[in-house]
Protein backbone atom coordinates (compact mmCIF):
# COMPACT_ATOMS: atom_id res chain seq x y z
CA MET A 1 -5.66 12.05 -14.08
CA THR A 2 -2.88 9.66 -15.21
CA ASP A 3 -1.85 6.68 -13.18
CA ASP A 4 1.68 8.09 -13.66
CA ASN A 5 1.05 11.19 -12.20
CA TRP A 6 -0.66 9.25 -9.25
CA LEU A 7 2.31 7.09 -8.97
CA LYS A 8 4.88 10.08 -8.85
CA PHE A 9 2.82 11.34 -6.01
CA VAL A 10 2.80 8.58 -3.95
CA SER A 11 6.55 7.71 -4.68
CA PHE A 12 7.26 11.30 -3.36
CA CYS A 13 5.45 10.71 0.05
CA ALA A 14 7.02 7.49 0.40
CA LYS A 15 10.67 9.21 0.16
CA ASP A 16 9.93 11.80 2.65
CA ALA A 17 9.86 10.91 6.23
CA ASP A 18 9.42 14.28 7.35
CA VAL A 19 5.88 14.91 8.91
CA GLN A 20 5.95 18.56 8.66
CA ARG A 21 7.54 18.66 5.27
CA LEU A 22 4.30 16.44 4.05
CA THR A 23 1.98 18.22 5.79
CA GLN A 24 3.17 21.32 4.16
CA PHE A 25 3.22 19.39 0.87
CA PHE A 26 -0.59 17.85 1.43
CA ASP A 27 -1.83 21.59 2.33
CA LEU A 28 -0.37 22.61 -1.18
CA PHE A 29 -2.12 19.85 -3.07
CA LEU A 30 -5.41 19.09 -1.20
CA THR A 31 -8.14 21.40 0.38
CA HIS A 32 -9.36 21.02 3.93
CA GLU A 33 -12.29 19.42 2.93
CA GLU A 34 -10.15 16.91 1.15
CA ARG A 35 -7.84 16.25 3.81
CA GLN A 36 -10.70 15.80 6.12
CA SER A 37 -12.25 13.16 3.86
CA ILE A 38 -8.94 11.18 3.96
CA ALA A 39 -8.80 11.40 7.89
CA THR A 40 -12.75 10.11 7.80
CA ARG A 41 -11.83 7.38 5.67
CA LEU A 42 -8.81 6.47 7.57
CA CYS A 43 -11.06 6.25 10.88
CA ILE A 44 -13.82 4.14 8.73
CA VAL A 45 -10.97 2.03 7.58
CA LYS A 46 -9.87 1.68 11.27
CA ALA A 47 -13.16 0.92 12.43
CA LEU A 48 -13.76 -1.86 9.96
CA LEU A 49 -10.48 -3.70 10.65
CA ALA A 50 -11.26 -3.84 14.31
CA GLU A 51 -14.69 -5.40 13.77
CA GLU A 52 -16.44 -4.37 16.97
CA LEU A 53 -19.29 -2.01 15.15
CA THR A 54 -21.44 -2.87 12.56
CA GLN A 55 -21.28 -0.77 8.99
CA ARG A 56 -24.55 1.08 10.50
CA ASP A 57 -23.08 1.97 13.57
CA ILE A 58 -19.65 3.15 12.19
CA ALA A 59 -21.54 5.26 9.79
CA GLN A 60 -23.34 7.09 12.75
CA GLU A 61 -20.39 7.44 14.67
CA PHE A 62 -18.57 9.43 11.86
CA ASN A 63 -21.73 10.89 10.42
CA VAL A 64 -21.07 9.43 6.85
CA SER A 65 -23.58 7.36 4.53
CA ILE A 66 -23.40 3.85 4.60
CA ALA A 67 -22.35 3.61 1.16
CA LYS A 68 -18.94 5.25 2.27
CA ILE A 69 -18.34 2.42 4.39
CA THR A 70 -19.19 -0.37 1.93
CA ARG A 71 -16.50 1.37 -0.56
CA GLY A 72 -14.13 1.21 2.32
CA SER A 73 -15.41 -2.52 3.12
CA ASN A 74 -15.27 -3.60 -0.36
CA GLU A 75 -11.54 -1.89 -0.94
CA LEU A 76 -10.21 -3.83 2.54
CA LYS A 77 -11.56 -7.28 0.73
CA ARG A 78 -9.44 -6.72 -2.16
CA LEU A 79 -6.31 -6.58 0.32
CA THR A 80 -4.22 -9.65 0.82
CA THR A 81 -3.80 -11.02 4.31
CA GLU A 82 -0.37 -9.60 4.46
CA GLN A 83 -1.49 -6.16 3.20
CA ARG A 84 -4.26 -6.25 6.12
CA GLN A 85 -1.89 -7.34 8.53
CA ALA A 86 0.42 -4.39 7.52
CA LEU A 87 -2.45 -1.94 7.61
CA LYS A 88 -3.27 -3.25 11.16
CA LYS A 89 -0.01 -2.68 12.57
CA PHE A 90 0.35 0.83 11.09
CA LEU A 91 -3.11 1.82 12.31
CA TYR A 92 -2.55 0.70 15.78
CA ALA A 93 0.93 1.52 16.26
CA LYS A 94 1.34 3.22 19.36
């Protein structure tokens, strides 16, 4: 996979705010298992950002390996403060 194609995919998603169309688009490109994996990663990131549970507790809660939690944690460490705040705002918006 090339970075250019990934950027095209992300750019398309960023341009379309219609949830139903995006859902259909993701159904076309992602398997059910891939969509579930992304949903689980979102839950992991949200739990890590909340800083209320240990990595082991998060792994047990979402029935995933510690390695998966560690990868999410390591990626979060790469974010700037502004990116972390934007992500928190997005994830905790009601």
